[in-house]
N, C-alpha and C. Protein backbone atom coordinates (compact mmCIF):
# COMPACT_ATOMS: atom_id res chain seq x y z
N UNK A 1 48.76 -4.27 -37.86
CA UNK A 1 48.92 -4.96 -36.98
C UNK A 1 48.53 -6.68 -37.70
N UNK A 2 49.67 -7.07 -37.20
CA UNK A 2 49.28 -8.95 -38.11
C UNK A 2 48.16 -10.02 -37.05
N UNK A 3 48.21 -10.77 -36.95
CA UNK A 3 48.01 -11.65 -36.12
C UNK A 3 48.51 -12.23 -34.98
N UNK A 4 49.51 -11.98 -35.32
CA UNK A 4 50.48 -12.32 -34.29
C UNK A 4 50.51 -11.28 -33.35
N UNK A 5 50.40 -10.00 -33.32
CA UNK A 5 50.56 -8.97 -32.62
C UNK A 5 48.97 -8.77 -31.74
N UNK A 6 47.81 -9.23 -32.88
CA UNK A 6 46.47 -9.20 -31.99
C UNK A 6 47.08 -10.37 -30.66
N UNK A 7 47.53 -11.42 -30.92
CA UNK A 7 47.44 -12.20 -30.23
C UNK A 7 48.41 -12.12 -29.01
N UNK A 8 49.11 -11.73 -29.03
CA UNK A 8 50.57 -10.72 -27.87
C UNK A 8 49.37 -9.71 -27.54
N UNK A 9 48.52 -8.77 -27.73
CA UNK A 9 47.86 -7.60 -27.12
C UNK A 9 46.81 -8.23 -26.02
N UNK A 10 45.91 -9.29 -27.22
CA UNK A 10 45.12 -9.64 -26.08
C UNK A 10 45.85 -10.72 -24.80
N UNK A 11 46.79 -11.09 -24.79
CA UNK A 11 47.34 -12.17 -23.82
C UNK A 11 48.48 -11.31 -23.31
N UNK A 12 48.73 -9.99 -23.29
CA UNK A 12 49.10 -8.78 -22.31
C UNK A 12 48.07 -8.86 -21.57
N UNK A 13 46.70 -8.08 -22.07
CA UNK A 13 45.64 -7.48 -21.76
C UNK A 13 44.74 -8.69 -20.92
N UNK A 14 44.74 -9.80 -21.12
CA UNK A 14 43.48 -10.43 -20.20
C UNK A 14 44.45 -11.21 -19.50
N UNK A 15 46.16 -11.64 -19.33
CA UNK A 15 46.48 -12.42 -18.69
C UNK A 15 46.48 -14.02 -19.71
N UNK A 16 46.02 -14.61 -20.35
CA UNK A 16 45.72 -15.65 -21.07
C UNK A 16 47.11 -15.82 -21.76
N UNK A 17 47.71 -17.41 -21.43
CA UNK A 17 48.32 -17.70 -22.33
C UNK A 17 48.43 -17.29 -23.95
N UNK A 18 49.75 -17.18 -24.41
CA UNK A 18 49.49 -17.25 -26.02
C UNK A 18 48.96 -17.89 -26.98
N UNK A 19 49.40 -19.59 -26.54
CA UNK A 19 49.02 -20.25 -27.20
C UNK A 19 47.07 -20.62 -27.02
N UNK A 20 46.92 -20.10 -25.89
CA UNK A 20 45.65 -20.26 -26.13
C UNK A 20 45.05 -19.70 -26.68
N UNK A 21 45.33 -18.27 -26.71
CA UNK A 21 44.83 -17.12 -27.63
C UNK A 21 44.81 -16.88 -29.09
N UNK A 22 46.41 -17.74 -29.19
CA UNK A 22 46.15 -18.21 -30.66
C UNK A 22 45.28 -19.07 -31.16
N UNK A 23 44.71 -20.23 -30.62
CA UNK A 23 43.93 -20.94 -30.42
C UNK A 23 42.37 -20.40 -31.06
N UNK A 24 42.19 -19.70 -30.28
CA UNK A 24 40.62 -19.07 -29.86
C UNK A 24 40.37 -17.52 -30.97
N UNK A 25 41.52 -17.48 -31.32
CA UNK A 25 41.65 -16.39 -32.88
C UNK A 25 41.70 -17.58 -33.88
N UNK A 26 42.27 -18.38 -34.03
CA UNK A 26 41.56 -19.05 -35.24
C UNK A 26 40.34 -19.85 -35.33
N UNK A 27 40.59 -20.07 -34.18
CA UNK A 27 38.76 -21.04 -34.02
C UNK A 27 37.72 -19.75 -34.36
N UNK A 28 38.06 -18.73 -33.98
CA UNK A 28 37.24 -17.67 -34.34
C UNK A 28 37.17 -17.27 -35.88
N UNK A 29 38.07 -16.86 -36.19
CA UNK A 29 37.97 -16.72 -37.96
C UNK A 29 37.88 -18.05 -38.68
N UNK A 30 38.30 -19.20 -38.20
CA UNK A 30 37.49 -20.30 -39.00
C UNK A 30 35.68 -20.41 -38.73
N UNK A 31 35.30 -20.45 -37.83
CA UNK A 31 33.66 -20.20 -38.24
C UNK A 31 33.00 -18.95 -38.40
N UNK A 32 33.79 -17.81 -38.90
CA UNK A 32 33.37 -17.13 -39.83
C UNK A 32 33.27 -17.43 -41.11
N UNK A 33 34.58 -18.10 -41.64
CA UNK A 33 34.82 -18.45 -42.82
C UNK A 33 33.86 -19.66 -42.82
N UNK A 34 33.41 -20.82 -42.17
CA UNK A 34 32.63 -21.60 -42.40
C UNK A 34 31.16 -20.87 -42.37
N UNK A 35 30.86 -19.60 -41.32
CA UNK A 35 29.34 -19.33 -41.41
C UNK A 35 29.23 -18.49 -43.01
N UNK A 36 30.28 -17.87 -42.90
CA UNK A 36 30.28 -17.24 -44.65
C UNK A 36 29.68 -18.21 -46.14
N UNK A 37 30.67 -19.24 -45.63
CA UNK A 37 30.55 -20.35 -47.01
C UNK A 37 29.43 -21.27 -47.11
N UNK A 38 28.40 -20.80 -45.86
CA UNK A 38 27.04 -21.59 -45.80
C UNK A 38 25.87 -20.34 -46.24
N UNK A 39 26.68 -18.87 -46.69
CA UNK A 39 26.16 -17.78 -46.54
C UNK A 39 24.99 -17.42 -45.44
N UNK A 40 25.73 -18.05 -44.23
CA UNK A 40 25.38 -16.92 -43.24
C UNK A 40 26.08 -15.95 -42.99
N UNK A 41 25.46 -14.63 -41.99
CA UNK A 41 26.38 -13.48 -41.82
C UNK A 41 26.89 -13.58 -40.56
N UNK A 42 27.68 -12.95 -40.11
CA UNK A 42 27.98 -12.98 -39.07
C UNK A 42 28.11 -11.52 -38.30
N UNK A 43 26.76 -10.81 -37.45
CA UNK A 43 27.01 -10.07 -36.95
C UNK A 43 27.45 -9.82 -35.35
N UNK A 44 28.33 -8.85 -34.97
CA UNK A 44 28.91 -8.50 -33.63
C UNK A 44 28.85 -6.92 -33.26
N UNK A 45 27.66 -7.03 -32.17
CA UNK A 45 27.19 -6.09 -31.90
C UNK A 45 28.13 -4.70 -31.29
N UNK A 46 28.74 -3.94 -31.79
CA UNK A 46 29.51 -3.14 -31.40
C UNK A 46 30.53 -3.18 -32.40
N UNK A 47 31.15 -3.81 -32.86
CA UNK A 47 32.21 -4.07 -33.78
C UNK A 47 31.76 -3.95 -35.30
N UNK A 48 30.70 -4.79 -36.16
CA UNK A 48 31.10 -4.89 -37.01
C UNK A 48 30.07 -6.06 -37.91
N UNK A 49 29.70 -6.32 -39.35
CA UNK A 49 29.02 -7.65 -39.33
C UNK A 49 29.97 -7.92 -40.51
N UNK A 50 30.59 -9.21 -40.94
CA UNK A 50 30.85 -10.13 -42.14
C UNK A 50 29.85 -10.70 -42.86
N UNK A 51 29.82 -10.14 -43.99
CA UNK A 51 28.51 -10.40 -44.75
C UNK A 51 29.10 -11.59 -45.84
N UNK A 52 27.82 -11.60 -46.90
CA UNK A 52 28.15 -12.25 -47.89
C UNK A 52 27.67 -11.11 -48.80
N UNK A 53 28.57 -10.66 -49.84
CA UNK A 53 27.70 -9.49 -50.75
C UNK A 53 27.72 -10.80 -52.61
N UNK A 54 26.73 -9.81 -53.06
CA UNK A 54 26.11 -10.69 -54.28
C UNK A 54 26.90 -9.93 -55.58
N UNK A 55 27.72 -10.25 -56.25
CA UNK A 55 27.84 -9.22 -57.56
C UNK A 55 27.41 -9.57 -58.70
N UNK A 56 26.26 -9.09 -59.54
CA UNK A 56 25.73 -9.01 -60.37
C UNK A 56 26.89 -9.49 -61.37
N UNK A 57 26.12 -10.16 -62.57
CA UNK A 57 26.71 -10.31 -63.77
C UNK A 57 27.68 -9.26 -64.37
N UNK A 58 28.85 -9.05 -65.49
CA UNK A 58 29.26 -7.99 -65.72
C UNK A 58 30.18 -7.98 -67.11
N UNK A 59 30.29 -7.21 -67.52
CA UNK A 59 31.11 -7.68 -68.96
C UNK A 59 32.20 -7.09 -68.89
N UNK A 60 33.47 -7.40 -69.07
CA UNK A 60 34.71 -6.75 -68.56
C UNK A 60 35.55 -7.10 -70.05
N UNK A 61 37.01 -6.66 -70.29
CA UNK A 61 37.90 -6.29 -71.36
C UNK A 61 38.57 -7.17 -70.78
N UNK A 62 39.29 -7.69 -71.82
CA UNK A 62 40.72 -8.33 -71.70
C UNK A 62 41.94 -7.25 -72.81
N UNK A 63 42.60 -6.41 -71.76
CA UNK A 63 42.71 -5.94 -72.62
C UNK A 63 44.34 -5.97 -73.54
N UNK A 64 45.03 -7.28 -73.10
CA UNK A 64 45.76 -7.95 -73.72
C UNK A 64 45.59 -8.74 -74.95
N UNK A 65 44.05 -9.11 -74.96
CA UNK A 65 43.62 -9.89 -76.00
C UNK A 65 42.89 -9.22 -76.78
N UNK A 66 42.10 -7.94 -76.38
CA UNK A 66 41.25 -6.77 -76.88
C UNK A 66 40.31 -7.68 -77.01
N UNK A 67 39.78 -8.59 -75.75
CA UNK A 67 38.34 -9.52 -76.33
C UNK A 67 36.84 -9.05 -75.31
N UNK A 68 35.94 -9.21 -75.31
CA UNK A 68 35.27 -9.08 -74.35
C UNK A 68 35.06 -10.28 -73.54
N UNK A 69 34.74 -10.34 -72.40
CA UNK A 69 34.98 -11.36 -71.45
C UNK A 69 33.28 -11.15 -70.13
N UNK A 70 32.39 -12.27 -70.45
CA UNK A 70 31.46 -12.36 -69.02
C UNK A 70 32.03 -12.73 -67.98
N UNK A 71 31.94 -11.75 -66.84
CA UNK A 71 32.31 -12.41 -65.29
C UNK A 71 30.66 -12.75 -64.77
N UNK A 72 30.86 -13.81 -64.68
CA UNK A 72 29.17 -14.12 -64.09
C UNK A 72 28.54 -13.78 -62.75
N UNK A 73 27.73 -14.18 -62.50
CA UNK A 73 27.27 -13.35 -60.83
C UNK A 73 28.25 -14.04 -59.67
N UNK A 74 28.53 -13.63 -58.58
CA UNK A 74 29.39 -14.32 -57.91
C UNK A 74 29.20 -14.14 -56.21
N UNK A 75 29.71 -14.36 -55.41
CA UNK A 75 29.60 -14.03 -54.16
C UNK A 75 30.84 -13.65 -53.45
N UNK A 76 31.16 -12.70 -52.98
CA UNK A 76 32.03 -12.22 -51.98
C UNK A 76 32.03 -11.95 -50.47
N UNK A 77 33.19 -12.16 -49.71
CA UNK A 77 32.58 -11.90 -48.67
C UNK A 77 33.50 -10.64 -48.19
N UNK A 78 32.71 -9.48 -47.21
CA UNK A 78 32.25 -8.33 -47.22
C UNK A 78 32.19 -8.21 -45.62
N UNK A 79 32.92 -7.01 -44.77
CA UNK A 79 32.74 -6.24 -43.36
C UNK A 79 32.65 -4.98 -43.43
N UNK A 80 31.43 -5.34 -43.05
CA UNK A 80 30.37 -3.39 -42.83
C UNK A 80 30.78 -3.53 -41.35
N UNK A 81 31.36 -2.23 -41.22
CA UNK A 81 31.63 -2.41 -39.27
C UNK A 81 30.63 -1.00 -39.16
N UNK A 82 30.30 -1.42 -37.74
CA UNK A 82 29.09 -0.65 -36.68
C UNK A 82 29.42 1.24 -36.78
N UNK A 83 28.81 1.49 -36.06
CA UNK A 83 28.68 3.01 -36.53
C UNK A 83 29.15 3.59 -35.44
N UNK A 84 29.46 3.01 -34.04
CA UNK A 84 30.27 2.76 -32.92
C UNK A 84 31.52 2.51 -33.31
N UNK A 85 31.90 1.38 -34.24
CA UNK A 85 33.58 1.53 -34.82
C UNK A 85 34.12 2.91 -35.29
N UNK A 86 33.02 2.89 -36.74
CA UNK A 86 33.54 3.94 -37.39
C UNK A 86 33.26 5.58 -36.90
N UNK A 87 32.47 5.58 -35.93
CA UNK A 87 33.05 7.24 -35.11
C UNK A 87 34.51 7.15 -34.26
N UNK A 88 34.77 5.45 -33.55
CA UNK A 88 36.04 5.34 -33.02
C UNK A 88 36.94 6.11 -34.24
N UNK A 89 37.32 5.48 -34.86
CA UNK A 89 38.39 5.62 -36.03
C UNK A 89 38.56 6.62 -36.20
N UNK A 90 37.45 7.33 -36.83
CA UNK A 90 37.28 9.15 -37.10
C UNK A 90 37.74 9.66 -36.11
N UNK A 91 36.95 9.49 -35.03
CA UNK A 91 37.61 10.63 -34.01
C UNK A 91 38.93 10.37 -33.23
N UNK A 92 39.74 9.28 -33.22
CA UNK A 92 40.99 8.76 -33.51
C UNK A 92 41.63 9.35 -34.22
N UNK A 93 41.44 9.34 -35.67
CA UNK A 93 42.61 9.80 -36.76
C UNK A 93 42.31 11.65 -36.39
N UNK A 94 41.41 12.00 -36.77
CA UNK A 94 41.58 13.62 -36.69
C UNK A 94 42.12 14.40 -35.53
N UNK A 95 42.36 13.13 -34.17
CA UNK A 95 43.55 13.79 -33.05
C UNK A 95 44.83 14.13 -33.58
N UNK A 96 45.01 12.91 -34.70
CA UNK A 96 46.19 12.74 -35.11
C UNK A 96 46.98 14.10 -35.79
């Protein structure tokens, strides 16, 4: 499902114009990105959490040059679904 599909579904189910729904969806995504950029997690009860994870420093290999490189510690965005969300997906997948 793409962003356009989500906008269409929300527009159909709520009766709100697609342009308004698209602006809302884009504003939501921008807010999540901004919050994670400030190292603030976003919690949506019953859906999940957008969190910032810290990756530790590690040693890796560049196989084309056969050298060792150090990857410094860094932060990445992640999504952790709520239990209700996980259970809904598990039960729907089993039925098919």
